[in-house]
Amino acid sequence: MLIVSGRLYIAKGQREAFLAISNGAMIEARCTPGCHDFVVAADPIEPDRVNIYEMWDSASQLEAFRGQGPAEELMKLIERADVRRHVIASSGPA
C-alpha cells in the first residue's frame, strides 16, 4: 500500500482555479485500477494551501496513472510543495 500526502501552496487568488482544474484528475484517478482514494481539497485555515491525499495499491499503479505528471496549467499555479510518499506495511481499522 502506498500513500501520497502533503500540501501545496498555490499562487495568491488562484486556489479555486487550481481546485477546478484538479477535479477531472480526481475523478479519473478514482476510476483507475489500484486507486483507493484521491483527494485534492482546500485547506480550511490557510487561504493559499491545498491538501492532497492519495492511496494506491502499488507504486507502479501510481506511476501508470501519473504518466507525465500534472498538467502544465496546474504546475504554473503551484508556488511550493511538500508532498511525500509513505509505504505502508500493514493497516487495519482504527
Protein backbone atom coordinates (compact mmCIF):
# COMPACT_ATOMS: atom_id res chain seq x y z
CA MET A 1 0.00 0.00 0.00
CA LEU A 2 1.26 3.45 -0.87
CA ILE A 3 0.00 6.79 0.45
CA VAL A 4 0.90 10.12 -1.08
CA SER A 5 0.09 13.11 1.11
CA GLY A 6 1.11 16.67 1.53
CA ARG A 7 0.42 20.31 0.95
CA LEU A 8 0.67 22.61 -2.00
CA TYR A 9 0.83 26.38 -1.79
CA ILE A 10 -0.98 27.98 -4.69
CA ALA A 11 -0.41 31.43 -6.19
CA LYS A 12 -2.46 34.09 -4.42
CA GLY A 13 -6.04 34.16 -5.64
CA GLN A 14 -5.64 31.01 -7.75
CA ARG A 15 -6.72 28.29 -5.34
CA GLU A 16 -10.27 27.94 -6.70
CA ALA A 17 -8.94 27.71 -10.26
CA PHE A 18 -6.44 25.06 -9.15
CA LEU A 19 -9.19 23.04 -7.47
CA ALA A 20 -11.45 23.29 -10.50
CA ILE A 21 -8.68 22.04 -12.80
CA SER A 22 -7.88 19.22 -10.33
CA ASN A 23 -11.45 17.92 -10.31
CA GLY A 24 -11.00 15.92 -13.52
CA ALA A 25 -7.86 14.26 -12.18
CA MET A 26 -9.68 13.22 -9.01
CA ILE A 27 -12.49 11.62 -10.99
CA GLU A 28 -10.06 9.86 -13.34
CA ALA A 29 -7.82 8.62 -10.51
CA ARG A 30 -10.71 7.13 -8.56
CA CYS A 31 -11.65 5.09 -11.63
CA THR A 32 -8.09 3.84 -12.10
CA PRO A 33 -7.20 0.28 -11.02
CA GLY A 34 -5.24 0.31 -7.77
CA CYS A 35 -6.52 3.69 -6.57
CA HIS A 36 -8.42 3.54 -3.28
CA ASP A 37 -8.67 7.29 -2.74
CA PHE A 38 -7.58 10.55 -4.37
CA VAL A 39 -8.43 13.92 -2.84
CA VAL A 40 -7.36 17.47 -3.63
CA ALA A 41 -9.00 19.85 -1.16
CA ALA A 42 -8.83 23.42 0.07
CA ASP A 43 -7.22 23.79 3.48
CA PRO A 44 -9.75 25.22 5.96
CA ILE A 45 -7.23 27.54 7.66
CA GLU A 46 -4.62 28.73 5.11
CA PRO A 47 -6.19 30.50 2.10
CA ASP A 48 -3.40 29.62 -0.34
CA ARG A 49 -2.97 25.97 0.73
CA VAL A 50 -4.32 22.80 -0.88
CA ASN A 51 -4.07 19.39 0.80
CA ILE A 52 -3.61 16.21 -1.19
CA TYR A 53 -4.17 12.61 -0.20
CA GLU A 54 -3.85 9.53 -2.39
CA MET A 55 -3.98 5.82 -1.55
CA TRP A 56 -2.72 3.25 -4.07
CA ASP A 57 -2.13 -0.49 -4.09
CA SER A 58 1.36 -0.01 -5.57
CA ALA A 59 3.90 2.50 -6.83
CA SER A 60 3.62 1.05 -10.33
CA GLN A 61 -0.13 1.79 -10.43
CA LEU A 62 0.50 5.32 -9.17
CA GLU A 63 3.18 5.88 -11.83
CA ALA A 64 0.97 4.45 -14.56
CA PHE A 65 -1.75 6.93 -13.62
CA ARG A 66 0.58 9.91 -13.36
CA GLY A 67 2.30 9.36 -16.68
CA GLN A 68 3.97 12.68 -17.49
CA GLY A 69 2.76 14.23 -14.24
CA PRO A 70 0.42 17.14 -13.54
CA ALA A 71 -0.76 19.33 -16.39
CA GLU A 72 1.27 22.45 -17.16
CA GLU A 73 -1.72 24.64 -16.24
CA LEU A 74 -1.62 23.18 -12.71
CA MET A 75 2.15 23.34 -12.33
CA LYS A 76 2.28 27.06 -13.08
CA LEU A 77 -0.12 27.75 -10.19
CA ILE A 78 1.98 25.93 -7.55
CA GLU A 79 4.40 28.18 -5.69
CA ARG A 80 5.81 25.49 -3.38
CA ALA A 81 5.01 21.96 -2.30
CA ASP A 82 5.72 19.50 0.48
CA VAL A 83 4.45 16.12 -0.72
CA ARG A 84 5.69 12.71 0.45
CA ARG A 85 5.20 9.03 -0.32
CA HIS A 86 4.56 6.63 2.52
CA VAL A 87 4.94 2.87 2.07
CA ILE A 88 2.53 1.07 4.37
CA ALA A 89 3.41 -2.44 5.52
CA SER A 90 0.03 -3.13 7.14
CA SER A 91 -3.20 -1.39 8.06
CA GLY A 92 -6.49 -2.12 9.72
CA PRO A 93 -9.50 -0.46 11.29
CA ALA A 94 -8.78 2.49 13.57
